[in-house]
Protein backbone atom coordinates (compact mmCIF):
# COMPACT_ATOMS: atom_id res chain seq x y z
CA MET A 1 0.48 -45.58 14.60
CA ARG A 2 3.91 -44.36 15.46
CA LEU A 3 4.93 -40.75 14.53
CA PHE A 4 8.22 -38.97 14.00
CA GLU A 5 8.41 -35.21 13.39
CA CYS A 6 11.70 -34.10 12.00
CA GLY A 7 11.37 -30.63 13.54
CA THR A 8 11.93 -32.23 16.98
CA LEU A 9 15.44 -33.08 15.80
CA VAL A 10 16.09 -30.52 13.11
CA PRO A 11 14.55 -27.14 14.06
CA GLY A 12 12.46 -25.59 11.33
CA CYS A 13 11.86 -28.83 9.38
CA ASP A 14 8.19 -29.61 9.00
CA TRP A 15 8.55 -33.15 7.53
CA HIS A 16 6.98 -35.99 9.39
CA THR A 17 6.17 -39.65 8.90
CA HIS A 18 4.10 -42.32 10.55
CA ALA A 19 3.90 -46.11 10.28
CA ASP A 20 2.70 -49.05 12.25
CA GLY A 21 6.14 -49.86 13.76
CA ASP A 22 9.21 -47.95 14.91
CA ALA A 23 11.52 -49.77 12.49
CA GLU A 24 9.66 -48.39 9.43
CA VAL A 25 9.54 -44.91 10.96
CA VAL A 26 13.30 -45.04 11.50
CA ARG A 27 13.88 -46.27 7.98
CA ARG A 28 11.87 -43.39 6.54
CA ALA A 29 13.48 -40.87 8.86
CA VAL A 30 16.96 -41.99 7.89
CA GLU A 31 16.14 -41.69 4.21
CA HIS A 32 14.74 -38.20 4.85
CA MET A 33 17.94 -37.23 6.70
CA ARG A 34 19.99 -38.34 3.69
CA SER A 35 17.82 -36.71 0.96
CA ALA A 36 16.66 -33.48 2.67
CA HIS A 37 19.45 -32.64 5.12
CA GLY A 38 22.46 -34.01 3.20
CA GLU A 39 23.51 -36.56 5.85
CA THR A 40 25.85 -39.03 4.20
CA LEU A 41 26.76 -40.96 7.35
CA ILE A 42 24.06 -41.96 9.69
CA ARG A 43 25.64 -42.58 13.03
CA GLU A 44 24.16 -44.79 15.74
CA ASN A 45 23.54 -41.74 17.94
CA MET A 46 21.41 -40.19 15.21
CA VAL A 47 19.30 -43.36 15.04
CA ASP A 48 19.00 -43.23 18.85
CA ASN A 49 17.92 -39.60 18.62
CA ILE A 50 15.24 -40.48 15.99
CA LYS A 51 14.01 -43.42 18.13
CA ALA A 52 13.80 -41.15 21.23
CA ARG A 53 11.52 -38.77 19.34
CA ILE A 54 9.07 -41.38 18.02
CA VAL A 55 5.70 -41.02 19.73
CA GLU A 56 2.28 -42.70 19.60
CA GLU A 57 0.26 -40.71 17.10
CA ALA A 58 -2.83 -39.13 18.67
CA LYS A 59 -6.08 -40.53 17.45
CA VAL A 60 -8.30 -37.95 15.74
CA ALA A 61 -11.97 -38.49 16.68
């Protein structure tokens, strides 16, 4: 699973999402940026910043 934690981009935000693929994670993160942080225009560099912060979710044993 791929994981994005918004706090890595927006300090203080504890929202996170995970999905099987990066494309779905980015889609969810963009929607979150619009609804929670009031972003009306999602620029390419913001998408790049989201992608750069997606990590492989650690498996919990």
